[in-house]
Amino acid sequence: MKNFIANYRAYAAKKALYRRTRDEIAQLSLSESLDLGIYPGDAERIARQAVWG
């Protein structure tokens, strides 16, 4: 049971990091996005790759 709880906590932490990262990328202005070489529409893909590899 402890392993299940530890795994759930780790998943929840990664999910929160994913959401925060996705939201930050999506909120960038167009000029900031272009400076970084990313498209705001790719926020989900970029956040998923950053958190889960």
C-alpha atoms as a PDB file:
ATOM      1  CA  MET A   1       0.000   0.000   0.000  1.00  0.00           C
ATOM      2  CA  LYS A   2       2.882   2.377   0.759  1.00  0.00           C
ATOM      3  CA  ASN A   3       4.238   1.819  -2.732  1.00  0.00           C
ATOM      4  CA  PHE A   4       0.870   2.691  -4.249  1.00  0.00           C
ATOM      5  CA  ILE A   5       0.672   5.920  -2.258  1.00  0.00           C
ATOM      6  CA  ALA A   6       4.247   6.857  -3.164  1.00  0.00           C
ATOM      7  CA  ASN A   7       3.555   6.196  -6.843  1.00  0.00           C
ATOM      8  CA  TYR A   8       0.346   8.225  -6.710  1.00  0.00           C
ATOM      9  CA  ARG A   9       2.118  11.156  -5.043  1.00  0.00           C
ATOM     10  CA  ALA A  10       4.868  11.069  -7.666  1.00  0.00           C
ATOM     11  CA  TYR A  11       2.279  10.988 -10.448  1.00  0.00           C
ATOM     12  CA  ALA A  12       0.326  13.855  -8.877  1.00  0.00           C
ATOM     13  CA  ALA A  13       3.494  15.944  -8.588  1.00  0.00           C
ATOM     14  CA  LYS A  14       4.378  15.309 -12.229  1.00  0.00           C
ATOM     15  CA  LYS A  15       0.829  16.098 -13.325  1.00  0.00           C
ATOM     16  CA  ALA A  16       0.944  19.405 -11.435  1.00  0.00           C
ATOM     17  CA  LEU A  17       4.312  20.239 -13.017  1.00  0.00           C
ATOM     18  CA  TYR A  18       2.911  19.354 -16.445  1.00  0.00           C
ATOM     19  CA  ARG A  19      -0.092  21.665 -15.969  1.00  0.00           C
ATOM     20  CA  ARG A  20       2.050  24.516 -14.678  1.00  0.00           C
ATOM     21  CA  THR A  21       4.523  24.153 -17.556  1.00  0.00           C
ATOM     22  CA  ARG A  22       1.750  23.882 -20.154  1.00  0.00           C
ATOM     23  CA  ASP A  23      -0.004  26.963 -18.799  1.00  0.00           C
ATOM     24  CA  GLU A  24       3.185  29.018 -18.710  1.00  0.00           C
ATOM     25  CA  ILE A  25       4.001  28.142 -22.316  1.00  0.00           C
ATOM     26  CA  ALA A  26       0.452  28.845 -23.460  1.00  0.00           C
ATOM     27  CA  GLN A  27       0.481  32.263 -21.789  1.00  0.00           C
ATOM     28  CA  LEU A  28       3.617  33.485 -23.562  1.00  0.00           C
ATOM     29  CA  SER A  29       3.079  36.353 -25.931  1.00  0.00           C
ATOM     30  CA  LEU A  30       3.581  35.664 -29.612  1.00  0.00           C
ATOM     31  CA  SER A  31       6.840  37.616 -29.685  1.00  0.00           C
ATOM     32  CA  GLU A  32       8.191  35.708 -26.657  1.00  0.00           C
ATOM     33  CA  SER A  33       7.207  32.411 -28.259  1.00  0.00           C
ATOM     34  CA  LEU A  34       8.900  33.310 -31.516  1.00  0.00           C
ATOM     35  CA  ASP A  35      12.037  34.395 -29.646  1.00  0.00           C
ATOM     36  CA  LEU A  36      12.138  30.961 -28.005  1.00  0.00           C
ATOM     37  CA  GLY A  37      11.370  29.223 -31.282  1.00  0.00           C
ATOM     38  CA  ILE A  38       8.148  27.593 -30.079  1.00  0.00           C
ATOM     39  CA  TYR A  39       4.511  27.797 -31.077  1.00  0.00           C
ATOM     40  CA  PRO A  40       2.013  28.275 -28.208  1.00  0.00           C
ATOM     41  CA  GLY A  41      -0.188  25.590 -29.758  1.00  0.00           C
ATOM     42  CA  ASP A  42       2.546  23.090 -28.990  1.00  0.00           C
ATOM     43  CA  ALA A  43       2.365  23.804 -25.251  1.00  0.00           C
ATOM     44  CA  GLU A  44       0.876  20.395 -24.412  1.00  0.00           C
ATOM     45  CA  ARG A  45       3.498  18.487 -26.388  1.00  0.00           C
ATOM     46  CA  ILE A  46       6.391  20.517 -25.014  1.00  0.00           C
ATOM     47  CA  ALA A  47       5.180  20.212 -21.416  1.00  0.00           C
ATOM     48  CA  ARG A  48       4.580  16.475 -21.774  1.00  0.00           C
ATOM     49  CA  GLN A  49       8.073  15.961 -23.160  1.00  0.00           C
ATOM     50  CA  ALA A  50       9.642  18.149 -20.460  1.00  0.00           C
ATOM     51  CA  VAL A  51       7.948  16.290 -17.609  1.00  0.00           C
ATOM     52  CA  TRP A  52       7.707  12.701 -18.813  1.00  0.00           C
ATOM     53  CA  GLY A  53      10.474  12.608 -21.386  1.00  0.00           C
END
